[in-house]
PDB file of all heavy atoms in Angstrom:
ATOM      1  N   ALA A   1      -1.488  -8.808   8.867  1.00  0.00           N
ATOM      2  CA  ALA A   1      -0.215  -9.250   8.215  1.00  0.00           C
ATOM      3  C   ALA A   1      -0.179  -8.964   6.720  1.00  0.00           C
ATOM      4  O   ALA A   1       0.933  -8.836   6.138  1.00  0.00           O
ATOM      5  CB  ALA A   1      -0.047 -10.732   8.431  1.00  0.00           C
ATOM      6  N   MET A   2      -1.353  -8.782   6.129  1.00  0.00           N
ATOM      7  CA  MET A   2      -1.325  -8.790   4.683  1.00  0.00           C
ATOM      8  C   MET A   2      -1.822  -7.448   4.010  1.00  0.00           C
ATOM      9  O   MET A   2      -1.150  -6.935   3.163  1.00  0.00           O
ATOM     10  CB  MET A   2      -2.317  -9.870   4.072  1.00  0.00           C
ATOM     11  CG  MET A   2      -2.449  -9.831   2.613  1.00  0.00           C
ATOM     12  SD  MET A   2      -3.735 -10.933   1.950  1.00  0.00           S
ATOM     13  CE  MET A   2      -3.105 -12.593   2.447  1.00  0.00           C
ATOM     14  N   MET A   3      -2.840  -6.890   4.535  1.00  0.00           N
ATOM     15  CA  MET A   3      -3.594  -5.846   3.783  1.00  0.00           C
ATOM     16  C   MET A   3      -3.011  -4.438   3.899  1.00  0.00           C
ATOM     17  O   MET A   3      -2.595  -3.973   4.912  1.00  0.00           O
ATOM     18  CB  MET A   3      -5.091  -5.791   4.302  1.00  0.00           C
ATOM     19  CG  MET A   3      -5.786  -7.200   4.206  1.00  0.00           C
ATOM     20  SD  MET A   3      -5.953  -7.763   2.526  1.00  0.00           S
ATOM     21  CE  MET A   3      -7.181  -6.671   1.854  1.00  0.00           C
ATOM     22  N   TYR A   4      -3.034  -3.713   2.761  1.00  0.00           N
ATOM     23  CA  TYR A   4      -2.703  -2.298   2.666  1.00  0.00           C
ATOM     24  C   TYR A   4      -4.006  -1.547   2.649  1.00  0.00           C
ATOM     25  O   TYR A   4      -4.907  -1.755   1.855  1.00  0.00           O
ATOM     26  CB  TYR A   4      -1.971  -2.015   1.394  1.00  0.00           C
ATOM     27  CG  TYR A   4      -0.511  -2.435   1.309  1.00  0.00           C
ATOM     28  CD1 TYR A   4      -0.112  -3.448   0.556  1.00  0.00           C
ATOM     29  CD2 TYR A   4       0.458  -1.679   2.065  1.00  0.00           C
ATOM     30  CE1 TYR A   4       1.253  -3.809   0.493  1.00  0.00           C
ATOM     31  CE2 TYR A   4       1.830  -2.069   2.001  1.00  0.00           C
ATOM     32  CZ  TYR A   4       2.192  -3.108   1.224  1.00  0.00           C
ATOM     33  OH  TYR A   4       3.513  -3.424   1.171  1.00  0.00           O
ATOM     34  N   LYS A   5      -4.094  -0.546   3.601  1.00  0.00           N
ATOM     35  CA  LYS A   5      -5.350   0.257   3.639  1.00  0.00           C
ATOM     36  C   LYS A   5      -5.091   1.553   2.897  1.00  0.00           C
ATOM     37  O   LYS A   5      -4.001   2.181   2.958  1.00  0.00           O
ATOM     38  CB  LYS A   5      -5.683   0.560   5.124  1.00  0.00           C
ATOM     39  CG  LYS A   5      -7.048   1.264   5.222  1.00  0.00           C
ATOM     40  CD  LYS A   5      -7.424   1.463   6.632  1.00  0.00           C
ATOM     41  CE  LYS A   5      -8.854   1.991   6.793  1.00  0.00           C
ATOM     42  NZ  LYS A   5      -9.161   3.148   5.869  1.00  0.00           N
ATOM     43  N   ILE A   6      -6.111   2.038   2.177  1.00  0.00           N
ATOM     44  CA  ILE A   6      -6.040   3.299   1.474  1.00  0.00           C
ATOM     45  C   ILE A   6      -6.408   4.410   2.491  1.00  0.00           C
ATOM     46  O   ILE A   6      -7.433   4.362   3.122  1.00  0.00           O
ATOM     47  CB  ILE A   6      -7.129   3.348   0.334  1.00  0.00           C
ATOM     48  CG1 ILE A   6      -6.957   2.167  -0.610  1.00  0.00           C
ATOM     49  CG2 ILE A   6      -7.024   4.717  -0.406  1.00  0.00           C
ATOM     50  CD1 ILE A   6      -5.657   2.095  -1.337  1.00  0.00           C
ATOM     51  N   GLU A   7      -5.452   5.296   2.655  1.00  0.00           N
ATOM     52  CA  GLU A   7      -5.628   6.369   3.656  1.00  0.00           C
ATOM     53  C   GLU A   7      -6.799   7.258   3.396  1.00  0.00           C
ATOM     54  O   GLU A   7      -7.078   7.674   2.278  1.00  0.00           O
ATOM     55  CB  GLU A   7      -4.346   7.248   3.701  1.00  0.00           C
ATOM     56  CG  GLU A   7      -4.301   8.236   4.847  1.00  0.00           C
ATOM     57  CD  GLU A   7      -2.929   9.002   4.897  1.00  0.00           C
ATOM     58  OE1 GLU A   7      -2.098   8.702   4.105  1.00  0.00           O
ATOM     59  OE2 GLU A   7      -2.930   9.908   5.744  1.00  0.00           O
ATOM     60  N   GLY A   8      -7.608   7.450   4.452  1.00  0.00           N
ATOM     61  CA  GLY A   8      -8.820   8.278   4.400  1.00  0.00           C
ATOM     62  C   GLY A   8      -9.948   7.711   3.665  1.00  0.00           C
ATOM     63  O   GLY A   8     -10.936   8.360   3.419  1.00  0.00           O
ATOM     64  N   GLU A   9      -9.871   6.412   3.269  1.00  0.00           N
ATOM     65  CA  GLU A   9     -10.951   5.689   2.560  1.00  0.00           C
ATOM     66  C   GLU A   9     -11.316   4.409   3.283  1.00  0.00           C
ATOM     67  O   GLU A   9     -10.415   3.816   3.904  1.00  0.00           O
ATOM     68  CB  GLU A   9     -10.561   5.444   1.083  1.00  0.00           C
ATOM     69  CG  GLU A   9     -10.168   6.656   0.318  1.00  0.00           C
ATOM     70  CD  GLU A   9     -11.267   7.176  -0.513  1.00  0.00           C
ATOM     71  OE1 GLU A   9     -12.409   6.615  -0.426  1.00  0.00           O
ATOM     72  OE2 GLU A   9     -11.050   8.222  -1.146  1.00  0.00           O
ATOM     73  N   ASP A  10     -12.507   3.963   3.184  1.00  0.00           N
ATOM     74  CA  ASP A  10     -12.883   2.615   3.635  1.00  0.00           C
ATOM     75  C   ASP A  10     -12.616   1.636   2.547  1.00  0.00           C
ATOM     76  O   ASP A  10     -13.492   0.960   2.017  1.00  0.00           O
ATOM     77  CB  ASP A  10     -14.388   2.593   4.040  1.00  0.00           C
ATOM     78  CG  ASP A  10     -14.804   1.199   4.628  1.00  0.00           C
ATOM     79  OD1 ASP A  10     -13.891   0.531   5.150  1.00  0.00           O
ATOM     80  OD2 ASP A  10     -15.929   0.818   4.482  1.00  0.00           O
ATOM     81  N   LEU A  11     -11.390   1.525   2.161  1.00  0.00           N
ATOM     82  CA  LEU A  11     -10.951   0.683   1.098  1.00  0.00           C
ATOM     83  C   LEU A  11      -9.586   0.059   1.379  1.00  0.00           C
ATOM     84  O   LEU A  11      -8.698   0.670   1.993  1.00  0.00           O
ATOM     85  CB  LEU A  11     -10.834   1.423  -0.236  1.00  0.00           C
ATOM     86  CG  LEU A  11     -12.166   1.823  -0.962  1.00  0.00           C
ATOM     87  CD1 LEU A  11     -11.879   2.764  -2.076  1.00  0.00           C
ATOM     88  CD2 LEU A  11     -12.912   0.588  -1.422  1.00  0.00           C
ATOM     89  N   TYR A  12      -9.416  -1.236   1.039  1.00  0.00           N
ATOM     90  CA  TYR A  12      -8.158  -1.950   1.127  1.00  0.00           C
ATOM     91  C   TYR A  12      -7.763  -2.505  -0.276  1.00  0.00           C
ATOM     92  O   TYR A  12      -8.639  -2.925  -1.055  1.00  0.00           O
ATOM     93  CB  TYR A  12      -8.336  -3.106   2.088  1.00  0.00           C
ATOM     94  CG  TYR A  12      -8.469  -2.679   3.519  1.00  0.00           C
ATOM     95  CD1 TYR A  12      -9.680  -2.229   4.041  1.00  0.00           C
ATOM     96  CD2 TYR A  12      -7.403  -2.831   4.403  1.00  0.00           C
ATOM     97  CE1 TYR A  12      -9.857  -1.927   5.382  1.00  0.00           C
ATOM     98  CE2 TYR A  12      -7.488  -2.492   5.732  1.00  0.00           C
ATOM     99  CZ  TYR A  12      -8.786  -2.043   6.231  1.00  0.00           C
ATOM    100  OH  TYR A  12      -8.863  -1.661   7.523  1.00  0.00           O
ATOM    101  N   LEU A  13      -6.452  -2.481  -0.582  1.00  0.00           N
ATOM    102  CA  LEU A  13      -5.956  -3.219  -1.722  1.00  0.00           C
ATOM    103  C   LEU A  13      -6.076  -4.707  -1.490  1.00  0.00           C
ATOM    104  O   LEU A  13      -5.699  -5.251  -0.476  1.00  0.00           O
ATOM    105  CB  LEU A  13      -4.513  -2.883  -1.981  1.00  0.00           C
ATOM    106  CG  LEU A  13      -4.248  -1.338  -2.426  1.00  0.00           C
ATOM    107  CD1 LEU A  13      -2.745  -1.073  -2.467  1.00  0.00           C
ATOM    108  CD2 LEU A  13      -4.873  -1.091  -3.802  1.00  0.00           C
ATOM    109  N   ILE A  14      -6.530  -5.495  -2.466  1.00  0.00           N
ATOM    110  CA  ILE A  14      -6.692  -6.884  -2.272  1.00  0.00           C
ATOM    111  C   ILE A  14      -5.342  -7.629  -2.267  1.00  0.00           C
ATOM    112  O   ILE A  14      -4.448  -7.249  -2.926  1.00  0.00           O
ATOM    113  CB  ILE A  14      -7.602  -7.548  -3.405  1.00  0.00           C
ATOM    114  CG1 ILE A  14      -7.024  -7.331  -4.769  1.00  0.00           C
ATOM    115  CG2 ILE A  14      -9.027  -7.011  -3.299  1.00  0.00           C
ATOM    116  CD1 ILE A  14      -7.721  -8.103  -5.849  1.00  0.00           C
ATOM    117  N   GLY A  15      -5.270  -8.589  -1.400  1.00  0.00           N
ATOM    118  CA  GLY A  15      -4.122  -9.444  -1.344  1.00  0.00           C
ATOM    119  C   GLY A  15      -4.195 -10.648  -2.271  1.00  0.00           C
ATOM    120  O   GLY A  15      -3.205 -11.359  -2.555  1.00  0.00           O
ATOM    121  N   THR A  16      -5.487 -10.954  -2.702  1.00  0.00           N
ATOM    122  CA  THR A  16      -5.725 -11.980  -3.683  1.00  0.00           C
ATOM    123  C   THR A  16      -7.139 -11.717  -4.218  1.00  0.00           C
ATOM    124  O   THR A  16      -7.958 -11.183  -3.453  1.00  0.00           O
ATOM    125  CB  THR A  16      -5.705 -13.408  -3.072  1.00  0.00           C
ATOM    126  OG1 THR A  16      -6.275 -14.320  -3.962  1.00  0.00           O
ATOM    127  CG2 THR A  16      -6.376 -13.471  -1.732  1.00  0.00           C
ATOM    128  N   SER A  17      -7.428 -12.089  -5.445  1.00  0.00           N
ATOM    129  CA  SER A  17      -8.722 -11.792  -5.983  1.00  0.00           C
ATOM    130  C   SER A  17      -9.832 -12.587  -5.376  1.00  0.00           C
ATOM    131  O   SER A  17     -11.045 -12.316  -5.517  1.00  0.00           O
ATOM    132  CB  SER A  17      -8.728 -11.978  -7.539  1.00  0.00           C
ATOM    133  OG  SER A  17      -8.441 -13.324  -7.867  1.00  0.00           O
ATOM    134  N   GLU A  18      -9.462 -13.675  -4.645  1.00  0.00           N
ATOM    135  CA  GLU A  18     -10.438 -14.411  -3.910  1.00  0.00           C
ATOM    136  C   GLU A  18     -11.291 -13.475  -3.002  1.00  0.00           C
ATOM    137  O   GLU A  18     -12.515 -13.664  -2.787  1.00  0.00           O
ATOM    138  CB  GLU A  18      -9.787 -15.512  -3.041  1.00  0.00           C
ATOM    139  CG  GLU A  18     -10.703 -16.161  -2.014  1.00  0.00           C
ATOM    140  CD  GLU A  18     -10.095 -16.126  -0.605  1.00  0.00           C
ATOM    141  OE1 GLU A  18      -8.873 -16.140  -0.491  1.00  0.00           O
ATOM    142  OE2 GLU A  18     -10.886 -16.181   0.371  1.00  0.00           O
ATOM    143  N   HIS A  19     -10.624 -12.472  -2.412  1.00  0.00           N
ATOM    144  CA  HIS A  19     -11.254 -11.551  -1.506  1.00  0.00           C
ATOM    145  C   HIS A  19     -12.520 -10.840  -2.200  1.00  0.00           C
ATOM    146  O   HIS A  19     -13.585 -10.858  -1.671  1.00  0.00           O
ATOM    147  CB  HIS A  19     -10.389 -10.494  -0.991  1.00  0.00           C
ATOM    148  CG  HIS A  19      -9.199 -11.085  -0.216  1.00  0.00           C
ATOM    149  ND1 HIS A  19      -8.022 -10.406  -0.010  1.00  0.00           N
ATOM    150  CD2 HIS A  19      -9.081 -12.265   0.485  1.00  0.00           C
ATOM    151  CE1 HIS A  19      -7.262 -11.150   0.718  1.00  0.00           C
ATOM    152  NE2 HIS A  19      -7.838 -12.252   1.084  1.00  0.00           N
ATOM    153  N   SER A  20     -12.224 -10.266  -3.338  1.00  0.00           N
ATOM    154  CA  SER A  20     -13.348  -9.579  -4.033  1.00  0.00           C
ATOM    155  C   SER A  20     -14.291 -10.502  -4.742  1.00  0.00           C
ATOM    156  O   SER A  20     -15.494 -10.288  -4.898  1.00  0.00           O
ATOM    157  CB  SER A  20     -12.790  -8.550  -5.037  1.00  0.00           C
ATOM    158  OG  SER A  20     -11.760  -8.991  -5.796  1.00  0.00           O
ATOM    159  N   MET A  21     -13.789 -11.706  -5.136  1.00  0.00           N
ATOM    160  CA  MET A  21     -14.686 -12.695  -5.805  1.00  0.00           C
ATOM    161  C   MET A  21     -15.667 -13.327  -4.841  1.00  0.00           C
ATOM    162  O   MET A  21     -16.840 -13.441  -5.175  1.00  0.00           O
ATOM    163  CB  MET A  21     -13.803 -13.796  -6.417  1.00  0.00           C
ATOM    164  CG  MET A  21     -12.975 -13.355  -7.622  1.00  0.00           C
ATOM    165  SD  MET A  21     -13.973 -12.648  -8.931  1.00  0.00           S
ATOM    166  CE  MET A  21     -14.957 -14.069  -9.347  1.00  0.00           C
ATOM    167  N   ILE A  22     -15.281 -13.636  -3.614  1.00  0.00           N
ATOM    168  CA  ILE A  22     -16.225 -14.101  -2.590  1.00  0.00           C
ATOM    169  C   ILE A  22     -17.097 -12.936  -2.154  1.00  0.00           C
ATOM    170  O   ILE A  22     -18.302 -13.117  -1.966  1.00  0.00           O
ATOM    171  CB  ILE A  22     -15.485 -14.710  -1.404  1.00  0.00           C
ATOM    172  CG1 ILE A  22     -14.718 -15.985  -1.850  1.00  0.00           C
ATOM    173  CG2 ILE A  22     -16.519 -15.096  -0.327  1.00  0.00           C
ATOM    174  CD1 ILE A  22     -15.529 -17.122  -2.403  1.00  0.00           C
ATOM    175  N   GLY A  23     -16.482 -11.767  -2.060  1.00  0.00           N
ATOM    176  CA  GLY A  23     -17.255 -10.563  -1.682  1.00  0.00           C
ATOM    177  C   GLY A  23     -18.356 -10.264  -2.637  1.00  0.00           C
ATOM    178  O   GLY A  23     -19.328  -9.594  -2.310  1.00  0.00           O
ATOM    179  N   LYS A  24     -18.218 -10.685  -3.908  1.00  0.00           N
ATOM    180  CA  LYS A  24     -19.249 -10.446  -4.900  1.00  0.00           C
ATOM    181  C   LYS A  24     -20.635 -10.988  -4.498  1.00  0.00           C
ATOM    182  O   LYS A  24     -21.649 -10.451  -4.875  1.00  0.00           O
ATOM    183  CB  LYS A  24     -18.838 -11.175  -6.196  1.00  0.00           C
ATOM    184  CG  LYS A  24     -19.775 -11.049  -7.373  1.00  0.00           C
ATOM    185  CD  LYS A  24     -19.261 -11.792  -8.605  1.00  0.00           C
ATOM    186  CE  LYS A  24     -20.032 -11.560  -9.811  1.00  0.00           C
ATOM    187  NZ  LYS A  24     -21.455 -12.160  -9.691  1.00  0.00           N
ATOM    188  N   PHE A  25     -20.655 -11.916  -3.591  1.00  0.00           N
ATOM    189  CA  PHE A  25     -21.925 -12.542  -3.182  1.00  0.00           C
ATOM    190  C   PHE A  25     -22.389 -12.043  -1.835  1.00  0.00           C
ATOM    191  O   PHE A  25     -23.375 -12.645  -1.219  1.00  0.00           O
ATOM    192  CB  PHE A  25     -21.720 -14.132  -3.144  1.00  0.00           C
ATOM    193  CG  PHE A  25     -21.331 -14.694  -4.458  1.00  0.00           C
ATOM    194  CD1 PHE A  25     -20.010 -14.907  -4.731  1.00  0.00           C
ATOM    195  CD2 PHE A  25     -22.291 -15.034  -5.323  1.00  0.00           C
ATOM    196  CE1 PHE A  25     -19.652 -15.472  -5.970  1.00  0.00           C
ATOM    197  CE2 PHE A  25     -21.994 -15.621  -6.602  1.00  0.00           C
ATOM    198  CZ  PHE A  25     -20.609 -15.863  -6.886  1.00  0.00           C
ATOM    199  N   ILE A  26     -21.799 -11.000  -1.310  1.00  0.00           N
ATOM    200  CA  ILE A  26     -22.153 -10.442   0.051  1.00  0.00           C
ATOM    201  C   ILE A  26     -23.654 -10.097   0.030  1.00  0.00           C
ATOM    202  O   ILE A  26     -24.239  -9.536  -0.902  1.00  0.00           O
ATOM    203  CB  ILE A  26     -21.299  -9.262   0.410  1.00  0.00           C
ATOM    204  CG1 ILE A  26     -21.574  -8.877   1.847  1.00  0.00           C
ATOM    205  CG2 ILE A  26     -21.540  -8.119  -0.575  1.00  0.00           C
ATOM    206  CD1 ILE A  26     -20.599  -7.801   2.331  1.00  0.00           C
ATOM    207  N   ASP A  27     -24.329 -10.469   1.178  1.00  0.00           N
ATOM    208  CA  ASP A  27     -25.724 -10.147   1.359  1.00  0.00           C
ATOM    209  C   ASP A  27     -26.646 -10.610   0.264  1.00  0.00           C
ATOM    210  O   ASP A  27     -27.553  -9.927  -0.218  1.00  0.00           O
ATOM    211  CB  ASP A  27     -25.912  -8.685   1.625  1.00  0.00           C
ATOM    212  CG  ASP A  27     -25.358  -8.122   2.903  1.00  0.00           C
ATOM    213  OD1 ASP A  27     -25.450  -8.905   3.912  1.00  0.00           O
ATOM    214  OD2 ASP A  27     -24.819  -7.051   2.950  1.00  0.00           O
TER     215      ASP A  27
END
């Protein structure tokens, strides 16, 4: 419902900075 995907890339535009902020702690 929310995310825009970058064509040809494994990348999405964030819908909120929470996504990348929580992602900062991955693994």
